[in-house]
Amino acid sequence: MTDLSGILKKIDKLEPVPIIIHKVLALANDPEAPLSELMRVVERDPAITANLLKTANSAYLGLAVKVDSVQQAVSMLGQQQVVEMVLSQNLSGNLDRAQAGYGLAKGDLWRQSLAVAMVARTLAKQRDLMSLPAIYTAALLKDIGKVILHEYVADKLDTIQRLVSDRGMSFVEAEKDVLGMDHTALGGIIAKQWNFSPHMIYMIENHHLANLASRNDPATATLYLADMVAMMVDTGLGVDRLAYHVYQDVFNDFFPDKKAVHDMMLTYRTFQNQVNEFMDGRASTP
């Protein structure tokens, strides 16, 4: 059994979440909060404002007019897109690293997390779910536990994969059986330490729906489906691809037929291409 105290100590080595993220989420999730307050919060952080304007003026977005202020960015792009840009820019540090134990090269997990978040947001809109920024953020951070756990998985990968193939366990069940901790539970611990809301912690902890009750939470089910869609498209990415249980009743609740699932897979591929275009463009920008 792995030394759990050693795993937990590594949380302190992660890049902390900037305080502004909590402020932006609180305002974005409050229908009574004035838009002007959200803009003021962003404008108070020069680095975030500079990154936001740089992205708004990038060739990726292709806006015809140069954006010179947060207010102009919101008016041209909309509140939701600006919020997502702020979240994405400030949560990438930990997830952009390689996670060798999961077979993920540098940037793989972050690119997929962005595309999954976009699918989760799309599904949540279709279901008229509230708290879109919280669902989007939970999708970005759902695999944060992998950032720490990957080195332990690497040491025990053969044993974990045998449990998956021989005993029909999901990858997360095998992780817990072998290591005493799985990446979803660790992700919940990290999210709690970072002072995210109880519901966001719950979504991260249960995004594989191992807890029966979680299947009745629409936001968590949305996160699960977005993740499963990604796995069905990215079948060769990571050692745990498709090594999870498929809950057909949850699929049936969201997708009326196979065509709907196929259409969402195509949507994921579109988002994936957008993410790659954006990330590649960002890397080449001086």
Protein backbone atom coordinates (compact mmCIF):
# COMPACT_ATOMS: atom_id res chain seq x y z
CA MET A 1 0.00 0.00 0.00
CA THR A 2 1.30 3.44 -0.92
CA ASP A 3 2.22 5.95 1.79
CA LEU A 4 -0.86 8.18 1.69
CA SER A 5 0.74 10.85 3.87
CA GLY A 6 3.49 11.18 1.26
CA ILE A 7 0.91 11.69 -1.47
CA LEU A 8 -0.93 14.36 0.50
CA LYS A 9 2.28 16.26 1.27
CA LYS A 10 2.81 16.79 -2.45
CA ILE A 11 -0.35 18.94 -2.66
CA ASP A 12 1.65 21.83 -1.24
CA LYS A 13 4.00 21.63 -4.24
CA LEU A 14 1.20 22.42 -6.70
CA GLU A 15 0.80 25.96 -8.00
CA PRO A 16 -1.93 27.56 -5.86
CA VAL A 17 -5.11 28.84 -7.43
CA PRO A 18 -5.10 32.66 -7.64
CA ILE A 19 -7.63 34.36 -5.37
CA ILE A 20 -9.13 36.11 -8.39
CA ILE A 21 -10.47 32.76 -9.64
CA HIS A 22 -12.75 32.47 -6.61
CA LYS A 23 -13.90 36.07 -7.03
CA VAL A 24 -14.64 35.59 -10.73
CA LEU A 25 -16.54 32.35 -10.07
CA ALA A 26 -18.60 33.93 -7.28
CA LEU A 27 -19.61 36.85 -9.46
CA ALA A 28 -20.22 34.73 -12.57
CA ASN A 29 -22.49 32.39 -10.60
CA ASP A 30 -24.47 35.22 -9.00
CA PRO A 31 -27.28 36.41 -11.31
CA GLU A 32 -27.69 39.52 -9.14
CA ALA A 33 -24.03 40.58 -9.41
CA PRO A 34 -23.53 43.57 -11.71
CA LEU A 35 -21.35 42.96 -14.75
CA SER A 36 -19.37 46.07 -13.83
CA GLU A 37 -18.14 44.36 -10.65
CA LEU A 38 -16.82 41.39 -12.61
CA MET A 39 -14.95 43.76 -14.92
CA ARG A 40 -13.50 45.65 -11.94
CA VAL A 41 -12.21 42.40 -10.38
CA VAL A 42 -10.44 41.43 -13.61
CA GLU A 43 -9.07 44.92 -14.19
CA ARG A 44 -7.48 45.00 -10.73
CA ASP A 45 -5.04 42.27 -11.81
CA PRO A 46 -2.69 43.71 -14.47
CA ALA A 47 -1.25 40.31 -15.48
CA ILE A 48 -4.68 38.73 -15.99
CA THR A 49 -5.92 41.79 -17.87
CA ALA A 50 -2.86 41.73 -20.12
CA ASN A 51 -3.33 38.01 -20.89
CA LEU A 52 -7.03 38.51 -21.53
CA LEU A 53 -6.44 41.35 -23.99
CA LYS A 54 -3.62 39.42 -25.67
CA THR A 55 -5.96 36.48 -26.22
CA ALA A 56 -8.84 38.70 -27.33
CA ASN A 57 -6.56 40.25 -29.96
CA SER A 58 -5.05 36.96 -31.11
CA ALA A 59 -5.40 35.67 -34.64
CA TYR A 60 -7.28 32.70 -33.17
CA LEU A 61 -10.32 34.86 -32.35
CA GLY A 62 -9.95 36.98 -35.46
CA LEU A 63 -11.80 40.03 -34.17
CA ALA A 64 -11.98 42.87 -36.69
CA VAL A 65 -11.46 45.55 -34.03
CA LYS A 66 -8.55 45.80 -31.60
CA VAL A 67 -9.67 45.21 -28.00
CA ASP A 68 -8.17 47.72 -25.56
CA SER A 69 -10.08 47.10 -22.32
CA VAL A 70 -11.84 44.44 -20.27
CA GLN A 71 -15.14 46.24 -20.85
CA GLN A 72 -14.62 46.10 -24.61
CA ALA A 73 -13.67 42.41 -24.39
CA VAL A 74 -16.90 41.64 -22.53
CA SER A 75 -19.02 43.65 -24.97
CA MET A 76 -17.47 41.92 -28.00
CA LEU A 77 -17.04 38.38 -26.68
CA GLY A 78 -19.74 38.14 -24.01
CA GLN A 79 -19.43 37.58 -20.28
CA GLN A 80 -19.29 33.80 -20.46
CA GLN A 81 -16.42 33.65 -22.93
CA VAL A 82 -14.42 36.22 -20.98
CA VAL A 83 -14.95 34.29 -17.75
CA GLU A 84 -13.87 31.05 -19.45
CA MET A 85 -10.77 32.78 -20.82
CA VAL A 86 -9.81 34.04 -17.36
CA LEU A 87 -10.38 30.58 -15.83
CA SER A 88 -8.45 28.79 -18.56
CA GLN A 89 -5.50 31.16 -18.42
CA ASN A 90 -5.10 30.80 -14.66
CA LEU A 91 -5.63 27.07 -14.13
CA SER A 92 -3.23 25.73 -16.74
CA GLY A 93 0.01 25.66 -14.76
CA ASN A 94 -0.42 22.34 -12.97
CA LEU A 95 -2.21 20.51 -15.77
CA ASP A 96 0.15 21.51 -18.56
CA ARG A 97 2.88 19.21 -17.22
CA ALA A 98 3.59 15.67 -18.40
CA GLN A 99 1.99 12.86 -16.36
CA ALA A 100 4.20 9.97 -17.41
CA GLY A 101 2.45 7.40 -15.21
CA TYR A 102 -0.76 7.96 -17.18
CA GLY A 103 1.02 8.00 -20.53
CA LEU A 104 0.41 11.73 -21.03
CA ALA A 105 3.01 14.02 -22.60
CA LYS A 106 3.39 17.67 -21.67
CA GLY A 107 0.24 19.53 -22.66
CA ASP A 108 -1.90 16.43 -23.31
CA LEU A 109 -3.98 16.66 -20.13
CA TRP A 110 -4.45 20.41 -20.38
CA ARG A 111 -5.57 20.32 -24.00
CA GLN A 112 -8.03 17.54 -23.29
CA SER A 113 -9.30 19.26 -20.13
CA LEU A 114 -10.08 22.40 -22.13
CA ALA A 115 -12.00 20.46 -24.78
CA VAL A 116 -13.88 18.45 -22.12
CA ALA A 117 -14.82 21.69 -20.36
CA MET A 118 -16.25 23.03 -23.62
CA VAL A 119 -18.32 19.86 -24.10
CA ALA A 120 -19.50 20.00 -20.48
CA ARG A 121 -20.60 23.60 -20.98
CA THR A 122 -22.44 22.64 -24.17
CA LEU A 123 -24.27 19.75 -22.47
CA ALA A 124 -25.11 21.91 -19.46
CA LYS A 125 -26.61 24.56 -21.74
CA GLN A 126 -28.69 21.95 -23.52
CA ARG A 127 -30.07 20.83 -20.16
CA ASP A 128 -30.60 24.42 -18.95
CA LEU A 129 -28.35 23.77 -15.97
CA MET A 130 -27.30 26.65 -13.77
CA SER A 131 -23.74 27.35 -12.59
CA LEU A 132 -22.12 27.00 -16.01
CA PRO A 133 -18.84 28.56 -14.77
CA ALA A 134 -18.67 26.04 -11.90
CA ILE A 135 -19.28 23.10 -14.26
CA TYR A 136 -16.68 24.47 -16.69
CA THR A 137 -14.13 24.88 -13.88
CA ALA A 138 -14.81 21.42 -12.45
CA ALA A 139 -14.25 19.99 -15.93
CA LEU A 140 -10.91 21.78 -16.18
CA LEU A 141 -9.80 20.44 -12.79
CA LYS A 142 -11.44 17.00 -12.74
CA ASP A 143 -8.09 15.22 -13.24
CA ILE A 144 -5.95 17.44 -11.04
CA GLY A 145 -5.28 14.40 -8.84
CA LYS A 146 -3.37 12.81 -11.73
CA VAL A 147 -0.73 15.54 -11.50
CA ILE A 148 0.40 14.06 -8.18
CA LEU A 149 -0.68 10.44 -8.47
CA HIS A 150 0.94 9.69 -11.84
CA GLU A 151 4.33 8.82 -10.36
CA TYR A 152 2.73 6.29 -8.02
CA VAL A 153 0.64 4.85 -10.86
CA ALA A 154 3.81 4.43 -12.91
CA ASP A 155 5.32 2.16 -10.25
CA LYS A 156 2.21 -0.05 -10.05
CA LEU A 157 0.81 0.25 -13.57
CA ASP A 158 1.09 -3.46 -14.43
CA THR A 159 -0.81 -4.44 -11.28
CA ILE A 160 -3.49 -1.80 -11.89
CA GLN A 161 -3.98 -2.87 -15.50
CA ARG A 162 -4.25 -6.55 -14.50
CA LEU A 163 -7.09 -5.68 -12.15
CA VAL A 164 -8.80 -3.82 -14.99
CA SER A 165 -8.40 -6.65 -17.51
CA ASP A 166 -8.79 -9.69 -15.23
CA ARG A 167 -11.33 -8.51 -12.66
CA GLY A 168 -13.32 -5.97 -14.66
CA MET A 169 -12.46 -3.07 -12.38
CA SER A 170 -12.52 0.47 -13.66
CA PHE A 171 -9.15 2.20 -13.67
CA VAL A 172 -10.14 4.38 -10.72
CA GLU A 173 -11.27 1.32 -8.72
CA ALA A 174 -7.96 -0.40 -9.46
CA GLU A 175 -6.05 2.73 -8.44
CA LYS A 176 -7.75 2.75 -5.08
CA ASP A 177 -7.28 -1.00 -4.59
CA VAL A 178 -3.55 -0.85 -5.33
CA LEU A 179 -2.56 2.59 -4.05
CA GLY A 180 -5.15 3.20 -1.36
CA MET A 181 -6.05 6.44 -3.16
CA ASP A 182 -7.49 7.22 -6.58
CA HIS A 183 -7.14 10.38 -8.64
CA THR A 184 -10.77 11.45 -8.11
CA ALA A 185 -10.54 11.32 -4.30
CA LEU A 186 -7.21 13.13 -4.42
CA GLY A 187 -8.71 15.70 -6.76
CA GLY A 188 -11.47 16.36 -4.24
CA ILE A 189 -8.91 16.82 -1.46
CA ILE A 190 -6.98 19.30 -3.60
CA ALA A 191 -10.16 21.20 -4.54
CA LYS A 192 -11.12 21.41 -0.86
CA GLN A 193 -7.67 22.69 0.09
CA TRP A 194 -8.02 25.30 -2.65
CA ASN A 195 -11.33 26.44 -1.09
CA PHE A 196 -13.63 25.57 -3.97
CA SER A 197 -17.34 25.16 -3.30
CA PRO A 198 -18.71 21.89 -1.87
CA HIS A 199 -20.55 21.16 -5.12
CA MET A 200 -17.44 21.65 -7.22
CA ILE A 201 -15.53 19.33 -4.88
CA TYR A 202 -18.35 16.80 -5.24
CA MET A 203 -18.23 16.98 -9.05
CA ILE A 204 -14.47 16.42 -9.12
CA GLU A 205 -14.64 13.55 -6.62
CA ASN A 206 -17.45 11.82 -8.49
CA HIS A 207 -16.85 12.58 -12.16
CA HIS A 208 -16.60 8.83 -12.91
CA LEU A 209 -19.94 8.26 -11.10
CA ALA A 210 -18.56 5.47 -8.89
CA ASN A 211 -20.91 6.77 -6.18
CA LEU A 212 -24.46 5.70 -7.13
CA ALA A 213 -26.00 8.90 -5.75
CA SER A 214 -23.81 11.04 -8.00
CA ARG A 215 -25.64 9.72 -11.08
CA ASN A 216 -28.68 11.69 -9.94
CA ASP A 217 -26.79 14.98 -9.85
CA PRO A 218 -27.19 16.56 -13.31
CA ALA A 219 -23.99 18.62 -13.10
CA THR A 220 -21.86 15.63 -12.11
CA ALA A 221 -23.50 13.46 -14.76
CA THR A 222 -22.71 16.20 -17.30
CA LEU A 223 -19.06 16.08 -16.29
CA TYR A 224 -19.01 12.28 -16.59
CA LEU A 225 -20.55 12.34 -20.07
CA ALA A 226 -18.19 15.04 -21.33
CA ASP A 227 -15.26 12.96 -20.08
CA MET A 228 -16.62 9.77 -21.67
CA VAL A 229 -17.13 11.53 -25.01
CA ALA A 230 -13.47 12.60 -24.88
CA MET A 231 -12.39 9.03 -24.15
CA MET A 232 -14.40 7.69 -27.08
CA VAL A 233 -12.64 10.14 -29.41
CA ASP A 234 -9.15 10.06 -27.86
CA THR A 235 -8.94 6.27 -27.63
CA GLY A 236 -5.15 6.28 -27.83
CA LEU A 237 -4.45 9.05 -25.33
CA GLY A 238 -3.39 7.90 -21.86
CA VAL A 239 -3.15 4.48 -20.25
CA ASP A 240 -6.64 4.68 -18.71
CA ARG A 241 -8.60 5.40 -21.89
CA LEU A 242 -12.02 3.71 -21.78
CA ALA A 243 -11.03 1.73 -18.67
CA TYR A 244 -14.15 3.05 -16.94
CA HIS A 245 -17.70 1.83 -16.50
CA VAL A 246 -20.33 2.95 -18.99
CA TYR A 247 -23.62 3.81 -17.28
CA GLN A 248 -26.10 3.40 -20.09
CA ASP A 249 -28.97 4.93 -18.14
CA VAL A 250 -27.01 8.17 -17.80
CA PHE A 251 -26.24 8.17 -21.53
CA ASN A 252 -29.90 7.51 -22.32
CA ASP A 253 -30.98 10.40 -20.13
CA PHE A 254 -28.81 12.88 -22.04
CA PHE A 255 -28.70 11.33 -25.52
CA PRO A 256 -31.91 10.04 -27.15
CA ASP A 257 -30.05 7.84 -29.67
CA LYS A 258 -26.65 6.85 -31.00
CA LYS A 259 -26.69 9.72 -33.49
CA ALA A 260 -26.81 12.21 -30.62
CA VAL A 261 -23.73 10.56 -29.09
CA HIS A 262 -21.98 10.62 -32.46
CA ASP A 263 -22.86 14.29 -32.96
CA MET A 264 -21.38 15.15 -29.55
CA MET A 265 -18.22 13.25 -30.46
CA LEU A 266 -17.96 15.40 -33.58
CA THR A 267 -18.54 18.48 -31.41
CA TYR A 268 -15.70 17.37 -29.15
CA ARG A 269 -13.44 16.98 -32.17
CA THR A 270 -14.34 20.51 -33.26
CA PHE A 271 -13.54 21.85 -29.80
CA GLN A 272 -10.32 19.84 -29.78
CA ASN A 273 -9.25 21.44 -33.05
CA GLN A 274 -10.08 24.88 -31.65
CA VAL A 275 -8.02 24.20 -28.53
CA ASN A 276 -5.07 22.97 -30.58
CA GLU A 277 -5.28 26.02 -32.85
CA PHE A 278 -5.39 28.33 -29.84
CA MET A 279 -2.60 26.56 -27.94
CA ASP A 280 -0.32 26.32 -30.96
CA GLY A 281 -0.92 29.96 -31.75
CA ARG A 282 -0.19 30.95 -28.17
CA ALA A 283 3.07 29.00 -28.19
CA SER A 284 4.24 30.78 -31.35
CA THR A 285 3.29 34.26 -30.14
CA PRO A 286 6.31 36.22 -28.86
